[in-house]
Structures are given as structure tokens and as C-alpha cells.
Amino acid sequence: MRPQRFIRDLTKTERQEIEEMFRRGPNNRIRKRAQAIRLSAMGYTITQIVEILGCNRQSIHNWFDTFETQGCQGLYDRPRSGRPVTDTVDYRDRLVEAIKTNPRKMGYPFTVWTLTRIRAHMAREMKILLSESRVRQIMKAEGLVFKRPKHTLAQKRDKDAFAEVRDILEQIKKSPWNPMPT
């Protein structure tokens, strides 16, 4: 049987930094790593930590190794390779500006933006076509809320006739109702 592995004794500053990462880490992955180090320093075994965090045993060993060699900074995510981001700060600014502008003022025949419409508009304006999910992510990051448009015919009705019928309906509601006329 393999001997139990625990993290080395933490210095006071490391303990404070781990606590800070655990409480206010920028994302869940970092908070989970900090919690694993914290639990080990408190005397929990790797088996117990696996049960508490619900993660792989090897991941905990990897986090311990990284912490032992690089300290607290090793628990943060490293930059990953991949496709560069296609949307720029200018794209985001123009997207926000477009969403806050009535589409009719931009020459469109509609009054409400949808994801499909704003995406097509931005493709025309910026020559960058993003997926609807990416546009939604940008909107969320910018604090904009997307709601599905409610199409009504309220503006098409005759206001005078509607008011007259509404008054009649109110009178009917207020009058005593007798289902059996005599």
C-alpha cells in the first residue's frame, strides 16, 4: 500500500493566499485547486479530498506537484493555445452601440433586434461573422440581456373601438350576472 501523501507545511503567506484563492478565485477550477491544497494542509487524505471535490485522484496529485514546484501561482490556469479571438474591442463597442440603437434608424424594416438580425448586421458592418452563441456571450459579458421579441397587433387596432369595447366589458363585469333570464 502506498503511503498517504499530504502537501508540505504552508507558510503564513501561502496559507493566506490559498484562503484568498479559495474564497475569491477568478473561476471554479482555481477555487477547487486551492480547496484541495487547503484540505490537505488541514490533514485530509487524498481519498477524502477526492470524495469531497468529486474529481480525479490523478488531478489532485498533479495539483500537489505543481504547488510543490511553483507555489500558489502554479494553481492558476496557464495560457492555452488555440484559435485567436475574432471579435475585437471595436467589434464589441459597435455591437453594444448597434443594440442600443433602434433598427429603423439604421434603415431596417423592423423595430426589434434578434440574435440573427444583429449577427447579420454586424457581419455587414464589420465583415466578421460570429456564431449566435458567441454574440450571446459578448452580450452577456457587456451586461446586455437578450429577450425574445413579442409580436403583437396592439398598434394595428382601432383605438376608439377598442376603448368602447373595453368600457362595455367593464360594465358587464360590474353588473350582477344572472345566467337564467326571467
N, C-alpha and C. Protein backbone atom coordinates (compact mmCIF):
# COMPACT_ATOMS: atom_id res chain seq x y z
N MET A 1 0.84 -1.18 0.00
CA MET A 1 0.00 0.00 0.00
C MET A 1 0.88 1.25 0.00
N ARG A 2 0.48 2.21 -0.81
CA ARG A 2 1.22 3.46 -0.94
C ARG A 2 1.01 4.33 0.29
N PRO A 3 2.08 5.00 0.75
CA PRO A 3 1.89 5.89 1.91
C PRO A 3 1.03 7.10 1.52
N GLN A 4 0.31 7.60 2.49
CA GLN A 4 -0.55 8.76 2.26
C GLN A 4 0.31 9.98 1.92
N ARG A 5 -0.18 10.77 0.98
CA ARG A 5 0.55 11.96 0.58
C ARG A 5 -0.20 13.19 1.07
N PHE A 6 0.54 14.09 1.66
CA PHE A 6 -0.01 15.37 2.11
C PHE A 6 0.85 16.48 1.54
N ILE A 7 0.28 17.64 1.46
CA ILE A 7 1.02 18.81 0.99
C ILE A 7 1.98 19.24 2.10
N ARG A 8 3.09 19.86 1.72
CA ARG A 8 4.05 20.34 2.72
C ARG A 8 3.40 21.38 3.61
N ASP A 9 4.03 21.67 4.74
CA ASP A 9 3.51 22.70 5.63
C ASP A 9 3.51 24.05 4.92
N LEU A 10 2.41 24.75 5.04
CA LEU A 10 2.27 26.04 4.37
C LEU A 10 2.83 27.16 5.24
N THR A 11 3.45 28.13 4.57
CA THR A 11 3.87 29.33 5.30
C THR A 11 2.63 30.18 5.57
N LYS A 12 2.78 31.18 6.41
CA LYS A 12 1.64 32.03 6.74
C LYS A 12 1.12 32.75 5.49
N THR A 13 2.03 33.25 4.66
CA THR A 13 1.59 33.97 3.45
C THR A 13 0.94 33.01 2.46
N GLU A 14 1.49 31.78 2.33
CA GLU A 14 0.87 30.80 1.44
C GLU A 14 -0.54 30.45 1.92
N ARG A 15 -0.67 30.27 3.22
CA ARG A 15 -1.98 29.94 3.78
C ARG A 15 -2.99 31.06 3.48
N GLN A 16 -2.56 32.31 3.63
CA GLN A 16 -3.44 33.44 3.35
C GLN A 16 -3.80 33.50 1.86
N GLU A 17 -2.80 33.26 1.01
CA GLU A 17 -3.04 33.30 -0.43
C GLU A 17 -3.98 32.17 -0.86
N ILE A 18 -3.79 30.98 -0.30
CA ILE A 18 -4.68 29.85 -0.61
C ILE A 18 -6.11 30.17 -0.16
N GLU A 19 -6.26 30.75 1.02
CA GLU A 19 -7.59 31.13 1.52
C GLU A 19 -8.24 32.15 0.57
N GLU A 20 -7.44 33.12 0.13
CA GLU A 20 -7.94 34.14 -0.79
C GLU A 20 -8.37 33.52 -2.12
N MET A 21 -7.54 32.60 -2.63
CA MET A 21 -7.88 31.91 -3.89
C MET A 21 -9.15 31.08 -3.71
N PHE A 22 -9.28 30.44 -2.57
CA PHE A 22 -10.44 29.60 -2.30
C PHE A 22 -11.71 30.44 -2.21
N ARG A 23 -11.63 31.60 -1.60
CA ARG A 23 -12.82 32.43 -1.41
C ARG A 23 -13.14 33.31 -2.62
N ARG A 24 -12.11 33.84 -3.27
CA ARG A 24 -12.35 34.81 -4.33
C ARG A 24 -11.62 34.49 -5.62
N GLY A 25 -11.33 33.23 -5.86
CA GLY A 25 -10.63 32.85 -7.09
C GLY A 25 -11.42 33.26 -8.32
N PRO A 26 -10.73 33.54 -9.42
CA PRO A 26 -11.41 34.05 -10.62
C PRO A 26 -12.36 33.05 -11.26
N ASN A 27 -12.15 31.75 -11.03
CA ASN A 27 -13.09 30.78 -11.58
C ASN A 27 -13.12 29.52 -10.71
N ASN A 28 -14.03 28.64 -11.04
CA ASN A 28 -14.26 27.44 -10.24
C ASN A 28 -13.05 26.51 -10.19
N ARG A 29 -12.34 26.39 -11.32
CA ARG A 29 -11.19 25.48 -11.37
C ARG A 29 -10.13 25.89 -10.35
N ILE A 30 -9.85 27.17 -10.27
CA ILE A 30 -8.82 27.66 -9.36
C ILE A 30 -9.27 27.51 -7.91
N ARG A 31 -10.55 27.80 -7.66
CA ARG A 31 -11.07 27.62 -6.29
C ARG A 31 -11.00 26.15 -5.87
N LYS A 32 -11.25 25.24 -6.81
CA LYS A 32 -11.20 23.81 -6.49
C LYS A 32 -9.77 23.39 -6.17
N ARG A 33 -8.81 23.88 -6.93
CA ARG A 33 -7.40 23.55 -6.68
C ARG A 33 -6.96 24.08 -5.32
N ALA A 34 -7.35 25.32 -5.03
CA ALA A 34 -6.99 25.92 -3.74
C ALA A 34 -7.63 25.14 -2.60
N GLN A 35 -8.86 24.68 -2.81
CA GLN A 35 -9.53 23.91 -1.76
C GLN A 35 -8.81 22.59 -1.52
N ALA A 36 -8.31 21.95 -2.59
CA ALA A 36 -7.58 20.69 -2.43
C ALA A 36 -6.32 20.91 -1.59
N ILE A 37 -5.58 21.97 -1.88
CA ILE A 37 -4.37 22.29 -1.11
C ILE A 37 -4.75 22.58 0.34
N ARG A 38 -5.79 23.36 0.51
CA ARG A 38 -6.26 23.74 1.85
C ARG A 38 -6.67 22.51 2.67
N LEU A 39 -7.43 21.60 2.04
CA LEU A 39 -7.87 20.39 2.75
C LEU A 39 -6.69 19.51 3.13
N SER A 40 -5.71 19.40 2.22
CA SER A 40 -4.53 18.59 2.52
C SER A 40 -3.75 19.19 3.69
N ALA A 41 -3.64 20.51 3.70
CA ALA A 41 -2.94 21.18 4.80
C ALA A 41 -3.68 20.99 6.13
N MET A 42 -4.99 20.77 6.05
CA MET A 42 -5.79 20.54 7.25
C MET A 42 -5.74 19.08 7.71
N GLY A 43 -5.07 18.22 6.90
CA GLY A 43 -4.91 16.83 7.31
C GLY A 43 -5.80 15.83 6.59
N TYR A 44 -6.56 16.28 5.61
CA TYR A 44 -7.40 15.35 4.85
C TYR A 44 -6.53 14.51 3.91
N THR A 45 -6.89 13.25 3.73
CA THR A 45 -6.15 12.38 2.81
C THR A 45 -6.62 12.65 1.39
N ILE A 46 -5.86 12.15 0.43
CA ILE A 46 -6.24 12.33 -0.97
C ILE A 46 -7.58 11.66 -1.25
N THR A 47 -7.80 10.49 -0.66
CA THR A 47 -9.07 9.79 -0.84
C THR A 47 -10.24 10.65 -0.35
N GLN A 48 -10.08 11.27 0.80
CA GLN A 48 -11.13 12.14 1.33
C GLN A 48 -11.33 13.37 0.44
N ILE A 49 -10.24 13.93 -0.06
CA ILE A 49 -10.32 15.11 -0.93
C ILE A 49 -11.04 14.76 -2.23
N VAL A 50 -10.74 13.56 -2.77
CA VAL A 50 -11.42 13.10 -3.99
C VAL A 50 -12.92 13.03 -3.75
N GLU A 51 -13.32 12.49 -2.61
CA GLU A 51 -14.75 12.37 -2.29
C GLU A 51 -15.39 13.74 -2.10
N ILE A 52 -14.71 14.65 -1.45
CA ILE A 52 -15.27 15.98 -1.19
C ILE A 52 -15.41 16.77 -2.49
N LEU A 53 -14.35 16.78 -3.30
CA LEU A 53 -14.35 17.62 -4.51
C LEU A 53 -14.97 16.93 -5.72
N GLY A 54 -15.06 15.61 -5.66
CA GLY A 54 -15.63 14.88 -6.79
C GLY A 54 -14.77 14.97 -8.04
N CYS A 55 -13.46 14.89 -7.86
CA CYS A 55 -12.58 14.95 -9.02
C CYS A 55 -11.65 13.73 -9.03
N ASN A 56 -10.83 13.65 -10.04
CA ASN A 56 -9.94 12.52 -10.25
C ASN A 56 -8.76 12.56 -9.28
N ARG A 57 -8.37 11.40 -8.82
CA ARG A 57 -7.23 11.27 -7.90
C ARG A 57 -5.94 11.82 -8.53
N GLN A 58 -5.76 11.52 -9.82
CA GLN A 58 -4.55 11.98 -10.52
C GLN A 58 -4.51 13.50 -10.59
N SER A 59 -5.67 14.12 -10.74
CA SER A 59 -5.72 15.60 -10.78
C SER A 59 -5.18 16.18 -9.49
N ILE A 60 -5.55 15.57 -8.36
CA ILE A 60 -5.09 16.08 -7.07
C ILE A 60 -3.57 15.93 -6.96
N HIS A 61 -3.05 14.78 -7.41
CA HIS A 61 -1.60 14.59 -7.40
C HIS A 61 -0.92 15.65 -8.28
N ASN A 62 -1.50 15.91 -9.45
CA ASN A 62 -0.93 16.92 -10.34
C ASN A 62 -0.93 18.30 -9.68
N TRP A 63 -2.03 18.65 -9.01
CA TRP A 63 -2.11 19.95 -8.34
C TRP A 63 -1.08 20.04 -7.22
N PHE A 64 -0.91 18.96 -6.48
CA PHE A 64 0.09 18.94 -5.41
C PHE A 64 1.49 19.13 -5.99
N ASP A 65 1.81 18.40 -7.07
CA ASP A 65 3.12 18.52 -7.71
C ASP A 65 3.37 19.95 -8.18
N THR A 66 2.37 20.53 -8.83
CA THR A 66 2.50 21.90 -9.32
C THR A 66 2.69 22.88 -8.17
N PHE A 67 1.92 22.69 -7.11
CA PHE A 67 2.05 23.58 -5.95
C PHE A 67 3.43 23.44 -5.31
N GLU A 68 3.93 22.21 -5.21
CA GLU A 68 5.25 21.98 -4.60
C GLU A 68 6.36 22.67 -5.39
N THR A 69 6.24 22.69 -6.72
CA THR A 69 7.31 23.27 -7.54
C THR A 69 7.12 24.77 -7.81
N GLN A 70 5.87 25.21 -8.02
CA GLN A 70 5.63 26.59 -8.44
C GLN A 70 4.93 27.45 -7.39
N GLY A 71 4.48 26.86 -6.32
CA GLY A 71 3.77 27.63 -5.30
C GLY A 71 2.34 27.94 -5.73
N CYS A 72 1.77 28.95 -5.11
CA CYS A 72 0.37 29.31 -5.37
C CYS A 72 0.13 29.71 -6.82
N GLN A 73 1.11 30.36 -7.45
CA GLN A 73 0.94 30.80 -8.83
C GLN A 73 0.74 29.63 -9.79
N GLY A 74 1.27 28.46 -9.43
CA GLY A 74 1.11 27.28 -10.27
C GLY A 74 -0.32 26.77 -10.33
N LEU A 75 -1.16 27.19 -9.41
CA LEU A 75 -2.55 26.74 -9.39
C LEU A 75 -3.43 27.49 -10.39
N TYR A 76 -2.94 28.63 -10.87
CA TYR A 76 -3.70 29.39 -11.88
C TYR A 76 -3.56 28.73 -13.24
N ASP A 77 -4.55 28.92 -14.09
CA ASP A 77 -4.51 28.38 -15.45
C ASP A 77 -3.42 29.07 -16.25
N ARG A 78 -2.73 28.28 -17.06
CA ARG A 78 -1.75 28.84 -17.97
C ARG A 78 -2.44 29.18 -19.29
N PRO A 79 -1.89 30.11 -20.05
CA PRO A 79 -2.50 30.42 -21.35
C PRO A 79 -2.54 29.17 -22.23
N ARG A 80 -3.61 29.02 -22.94
CA ARG A 80 -3.77 27.85 -23.80
C ARG A 80 -3.67 28.27 -25.25
N SER A 81 -3.19 27.35 -26.05
CA SER A 81 -3.11 27.63 -27.47
C SER A 81 -4.50 27.45 -28.07
N GLY A 82 -4.69 27.98 -29.23
CA GLY A 82 -5.98 27.85 -29.90
C GLY A 82 -6.18 29.00 -30.86
N ARG A 83 -7.31 28.98 -31.46
CA ARG A 83 -7.64 30.00 -32.43
C ARG A 83 -7.74 31.35 -31.74
N PRO A 84 -7.16 32.39 -32.33
CA PRO A 84 -7.26 33.71 -31.71
C PRO A 84 -8.71 34.22 -31.74
N VAL A 85 -9.03 35.08 -30.82
CA VAL A 85 -10.37 35.64 -30.73
C VAL A 85 -10.62 36.51 -31.95
N THR A 86 -11.80 36.34 -32.57
CA THR A 86 -12.09 37.12 -33.77
C THR A 86 -12.75 38.45 -33.45
N ASP A 87 -13.45 38.51 -32.34
CA ASP A 87 -14.08 39.79 -32.00
C ASP A 87 -13.08 40.67 -31.27
N THR A 88 -13.07 41.92 -31.65
CA THR A 88 -12.14 42.88 -31.06
C THR A 88 -12.90 43.82 -30.13
N VAL A 89 -12.17 44.69 -29.47
CA VAL A 89 -12.80 45.69 -28.61
C VAL A 89 -13.69 46.59 -29.46
N ASP A 90 -13.22 46.93 -30.66
CA ASP A 90 -14.01 47.76 -31.57
C ASP A 90 -15.31 47.04 -31.95
N TYR A 91 -15.21 45.73 -32.21
CA TYR A 91 -16.40 44.94 -32.54
C TYR A 91 -17.41 44.99 -31.39
N ARG A 92 -16.91 44.78 -30.19
CA ARG A 92 -17.80 44.79 -29.01
C ARG A 92 -18.46 46.16 -28.84
N ASP A 93 -17.68 47.22 -28.97
CA ASP A 93 -18.22 48.57 -28.82
C ASP A 93 -19.31 48.85 -29.86
N ARG A 94 -19.05 48.45 -31.10
CA ARG A 94 -20.03 48.69 -32.16
C ARG A 94 -21.26 47.80 -32.01
N LEU A 95 -21.07 46.60 -31.46
CA LEU A 95 -22.21 45.71 -31.20
C LEU A 95 -23.13 46.35 -30.15
N VAL A 96 -22.54 46.82 -29.06
CA VAL A 96 -23.33 47.45 -27.99
C VAL A 96 -24.05 48.69 -28.54
N GLU A 97 -23.33 49.48 -29.32
CA GLU A 97 -23.92 50.68 -29.91
C GLU A 97 -25.10 50.33 -30.81
N ALA A 98 -24.93 49.29 -31.64
CA ALA A 98 -25.99 48.87 -32.56
C ALA A 98 -27.21 48.36 -31.80
N ILE A 99 -26.98 47.57 -30.76
CA ILE A 99 -28.10 47.00 -29.99
C ILE A 99 -28.90 48.11 -29.31
N LYS A 100 -28.22 49.14 -28.86
CA LYS A 100 -28.91 50.23 -28.17
C LYS A 100 -29.60 51.21 -29.13
N THR A 101 -29.38 51.02 -30.43
CA THR A 101 -29.98 51.88 -31.44
C THR A 101 -31.19 51.18 -32.05
N ASN A 102 -32.25 51.93 -32.30
CA ASN A 102 -33.44 51.37 -32.94
C ASN A 102 -33.07 50.94 -34.36
N PRO A 103 -33.39 49.71 -34.75
CA PRO A 103 -33.04 49.24 -36.10
C PRO A 103 -33.62 50.11 -37.22
N ARG A 104 -34.76 50.73 -36.98
CA ARG A 104 -35.36 51.59 -38.01
C ARG A 104 -34.47 52.79 -38.33
N LYS A 105 -33.75 53.29 -37.32
CA LYS A 105 -32.84 54.42 -37.56
C LYS A 105 -31.65 54.01 -38.42
N MET A 106 -31.42 52.70 -38.51
CA MET A 106 -30.32 52.19 -39.34
C MET A 106 -30.82 51.74 -40.71
N GLY A 107 -32.10 51.96 -40.97
CA GLY A 107 -32.65 51.64 -42.28
C GLY A 107 -33.27 50.25 -42.39
N TYR A 108 -33.48 49.58 -41.29
CA TYR A 108 -34.08 48.24 -41.33
C TYR A 108 -35.60 48.36 -41.20
N PRO A 109 -36.34 47.38 -41.77
CA PRO A 109 -37.80 47.44 -41.72
C PRO A 109 -38.41 46.89 -40.42
N PHE A 110 -37.60 46.59 -39.44
CA PHE A 110 -38.10 46.04 -38.18
C PHE A 110 -37.68 46.95 -37.03
N THR A 111 -38.32 46.73 -35.86
CA THR A 111 -38.06 47.60 -34.71
C THR A 111 -37.37 46.89 -33.56
N VAL A 112 -37.20 45.58 -33.67
CA VAL A 112 -36.63 44.80 -32.58
C VAL A 112 -35.45 43.98 -33.10
N TRP A 113 -34.34 44.01 -32.37
CA TRP A 113 -33.19 43.19 -32.73
C TRP A 113 -33.42 41.76 -32.23
N THR A 114 -33.02 40.80 -33.05
CA THR A 114 -32.92 39.41 -32.61
C THR A 114 -31.45 39.04 -32.77
N LEU A 115 -31.07 37.89 -32.23
CA LEU A 115 -29.67 37.47 -32.39
C LEU A 115 -29.31 37.32 -33.86
N THR A 116 -30.21 36.72 -34.63
CA THR A 116 -29.94 36.52 -36.06
C THR A 116 -29.77 37.86 -36.77
N ARG A 117 -30.64 38.81 -36.46
CA ARG A 117 -30.58 40.12 -37.11
C ARG A 117 -29.33 40.89 -36.72
N ILE A 118 -29.00 40.92 -35.44
CA ILE A 118 -27.83 41.69 -35.00
C ILE A 118 -26.55 41.05 -35.54
N ARG A 119 -26.55 39.73 -35.60
CA ARG A 119 -25.40 39.00 -36.14
C ARG A 119 -25.20 39.35 -37.62
N ALA A 120 -26.29 39.36 -38.39
CA ALA A 120 -26.21 39.70 -39.82
C ALA A 120 -25.78 41.16 -39.99
N HIS A 121 -26.31 42.04 -39.16
CA HIS A 121 -25.93 43.46 -39.22
C HIS A 121 -24.43 43.63 -38.97
N MET A 122 -23.93 42.96 -37.94
CA MET A 122 -22.50 43.08 -37.61
C MET A 122 -21.63 42.47 -38.70
N ALA A 123 -22.11 41.41 -39.34
CA ALA A 123 -21.35 40.81 -40.44
C ALA A 123 -21.25 41.81 -41.60
N ARG A 124 -22.34 42.54 -41.87
CA ARG A 124 -22.32 43.55 -42.92
C ARG A 124 -21.41 44.72 -42.56
N GLU A 125 -21.51 45.17 -41.31
CA GLU A 125 -20.76 46.34 -40.86
C GLU A 125 -19.26 46.07 -40.68
N MET A 126 -18.95 44.97 -40.00
CA MET A 126 -17.57 44.71 -39.59
C MET A 126 -16.87 43.63 -40.42
N LYS A 127 -17.63 42.95 -41.28
CA LYS A 127 -17.08 41.84 -42.09
C LYS A 127 -16.58 40.70 -41.21
N ILE A 128 -17.20 40.54 -40.03
CA ILE A 128 -16.87 39.44 -39.12
C ILE A 128 -18.17 38.73 -38.78
N LEU A 129 -18.26 37.45 -39.14
CA LEU A 129 -19.46 36.67 -38.86
C LEU A 129 -19.19 35.74 -37.69
N LEU A 130 -19.82 36.04 -36.57
CA LEU A 130 -19.69 35.20 -35.37
C LEU A 130 -20.94 34.33 -35.23
N SER A 131 -20.81 33.27 -34.48
CA SER A 131 -21.97 32.41 -34.22
C SER A 131 -22.93 33.14 -33.28
N GLU A 132 -24.18 32.69 -33.29
CA GLU A 132 -25.17 33.31 -32.40
C GLU A 132 -24.77 33.12 -30.94
N SER A 133 -24.20 31.95 -30.63
CA SER A 133 -23.81 31.72 -29.23
C SER A 133 -22.69 32.67 -28.81
N ARG A 134 -21.77 32.98 -29.72
CA ARG A 134 -20.69 33.91 -29.39
C ARG A 134 -21.24 35.33 -29.20
N VAL A 135 -22.17 35.72 -30.06
CA VAL A 135 -22.80 37.04 -29.92
C VAL A 135 -23.52 37.12 -28.57
N ARG A 136 -24.19 36.03 -28.19
CA ARG A 136 -24.89 35.98 -26.90
C ARG A 136 -23.89 36.11 -25.75
N GLN A 137 -22.73 35.44 -25.87
CA GLN A 137 -21.69 35.54 -24.83
C GLN A 137 -21.19 36.97 -24.69
N ILE A 138 -20.96 37.62 -25.81
CA ILE A 138 -20.48 39.01 -25.78
C ILE A 138 -21.53 39.91 -25.13
N MET A 139 -22.79 39.70 -25.50
CA MET A 139 -23.87 40.50 -24.91
C MET A 139 -23.92 40.31 -23.40
N LYS A 140 -23.78 39.07 -22.96
CA LYS A 140 -23.82 38.79 -21.53
C LYS A 140 -22.64 39.46 -20.83
N ALA A 141 -21.45 39.37 -21.43
CA ALA A 141 -20.26 39.98 -20.84
C ALA A 141 -20.40 41.51 -20.77
N GLU A 142 -21.13 42.08 -21.72
CA GLU A 142 -21.32 43.53 -21.74
C GLU A 142 -22.52 43.97 -20.91
N GLY A 143 -23.20 43.01 -20.28
CA GLY A 143 -24.33 43.34 -19.41
C GLY A 143 -25.63 43.56 -20.15
N LEU A 144 -25.71 43.09 -21.39
CA LEU A 144 -26.94 43.23 -22.17
C LEU A 144 -27.77 41.96 -22.05
N VAL A 145 -29.07 42.11 -21.99
CA VAL A 145 -29.96 40.96 -21.83
C VAL A 145 -30.72 40.76 -23.12
N PHE A 146 -30.75 39.53 -23.58
CA PHE A 146 -31.49 39.19 -24.79
C PHE A 146 -32.84 38.63 -24.39
N LYS A 147 -33.87 39.19 -24.96
CA LYS A 147 -35.22 38.67 -24.75
C LYS A 147 -35.84 38.44 -26.11
N ARG A 148 -36.64 37.43 -26.20
CA ARG A 148 -37.31 37.17 -27.47
C ARG A 148 -38.34 38.26 -27.71
N PRO A 149 -38.45 38.72 -28.95
CA PRO A 149 -39.42 39.78 -29.22
C PRO A 149 -40.84 39.25 -29.10
N LYS A 150 -41.71 40.08 -28.59
CA LYS A 150 -43.13 39.73 -28.51
C LYS A 150 -43.84 40.49 -29.62
N HIS A 151 -44.32 39.76 -30.58
CA HIS A 151 -45.01 40.37 -31.71
C HIS A 151 -46.49 40.49 -31.35
N THR A 152 -47.00 41.69 -31.35
CA THR A 152 -48.41 41.91 -31.04
C THR A 152 -49.04 42.74 -32.14
N LEU A 153 -50.33 42.75 -32.14
CA LEU A 153 -51.06 43.58 -33.10
C LEU A 153 -51.65 44.81 -32.41
N ALA A 154 -51.17 45.12 -31.22
CA ALA A 154 -51.72 46.22 -30.44
C ALA A 154 -51.69 47.54 -31.20
N GLN A 155 -50.64 47.80 -31.95
CA GLN A 155 -50.55 49.07 -32.67
C GLN A 155 -51.45 49.09 -33.91
N LYS A 156 -51.98 47.94 -34.32
CA LYS A 156 -52.81 47.86 -35.52
C LYS A 156 -54.29 48.09 -35.22
N ARG A 157 -54.71 47.99 -33.96
CA ARG A 157 -56.13 48.07 -33.64
C ARG A 157 -56.64 49.52 -33.66
N ASP A 158 -57.94 49.62 -33.84
CA ASP A 158 -58.62 50.92 -33.82
C ASP A 158 -58.77 51.32 -32.36
N LYS A 159 -58.11 52.38 -31.96
CA LYS A 159 -58.07 52.77 -30.55
C LYS A 159 -59.44 53.16 -30.01
N ASP A 160 -60.24 53.85 -30.81
CA ASP A 160 -61.56 54.28 -30.36
C ASP A 160 -62.48 53.08 -30.15
N ALA A 161 -62.50 52.17 -31.11
CA ALA A 161 -63.35 50.98 -31.00
C ALA A 161 -62.89 50.11 -29.83
N PHE A 162 -61.57 50.02 -29.65
CA PHE A 162 -61.04 49.21 -28.54
C PHE A 162 -61.47 49.79 -27.20
N ALA A 163 -61.38 51.10 -27.04
CA ALA A 163 -61.77 51.75 -25.79
C ALA A 163 -63.26 51.56 -25.52
N GLU A 164 -64.08 51.66 -26.56
CA GLU A 164 -65.53 51.48 -26.41
C GLU A 164 -65.86 50.06 -25.95
N VAL A 165 -65.25 49.08 -26.59
CA VAL A 165 -65.49 47.68 -26.23
C VAL A 165 -64.96 47.39 -24.83
N ARG A 166 -63.84 47.98 -24.46
CA ARG A 166 -63.29 47.79 -23.12
C ARG A 166 -64.24 48.34 -22.06
N ASP A 167 -64.85 49.49 -22.32
CA ASP A 167 -65.82 50.08 -21.39
C ASP A 167 -67.05 49.19 -21.24
N ILE A 168 -67.54 48.67 -22.35
CA ILE A 168 -68.70 47.77 -22.32
C ILE A 168 -68.37 46.53 -21.50
N LEU A 169 -67.18 45.98 -21.71
CA LEU A 169 -66.76 44.79 -20.97
C LEU A 169 -66.69 45.08 -19.48
N GLU A 170 -66.20 46.23 -19.09
CA GLU A 170 -66.13 46.61 -17.68
C GLU A 170 -67.53 46.71 -17.07
N GLN A 171 -68.48 47.25 -17.83
CA GLN A 171 -69.86 47.36 -17.34
C GLN A 171 -70.47 45.98 -17.14
N ILE A 172 -70.19 45.08 -18.07
CA ILE A 172 -70.70 43.71 -17.96
C ILE A 172 -70.10 43.03 -16.73
N LYS A 173 -68.82 43.25 -16.49
CA LYS A 173 -68.17 42.64 -15.33
C LYS A 173 -68.76 43.14 -14.01
N LYS A 174 -69.14 44.41 -13.96
CA LYS A 174 -69.64 45.00 -12.73
C LYS A 174 -71.11 44.68 -12.47
N SER A 175 -71.86 44.38 -13.51
CA SER A 175 -73.29 44.11 -13.32
C SER A 175 -73.50 42.73 -12.73
N PRO A 176 -74.58 42.58 -11.93
CA PRO A 176 -74.86 41.25 -11.38
C PRO A 176 -75.22 40.32 -12.53
N TRP A 177 -74.65 39.16 -12.48
CA TRP A 177 -74.83 38.22 -13.59
C TRP A 177 -75.92 37.23 -13.25
N ASN A 178 -76.84 37.05 -14.16
CA ASN A 178 -77.92 36.10 -13.96
C ASN A 178 -77.96 35.19 -15.17
N PRO A 179 -77.54 33.94 -15.01
CA PRO A 179 -77.48 33.05 -16.17
C PRO A 179 -78.86 32.63 -16.66
N MET A 180 -79.90 32.75 -15.82
CA MET A 180 -81.25 32.33 -16.20
C MET A 180 -82.15 33.57 -16.27
N PRO A 181 -82.26 34.21 -17.44
CA PRO A 181 -83.11 35.40 -17.51
C PRO A 181 -84.58 35.01 -17.31
N THR A 182 -85.35 35.87 -16.70
CA THR A 182 -86.77 35.57 -16.44
C THR A 182 -87.68 36.30 -17.38
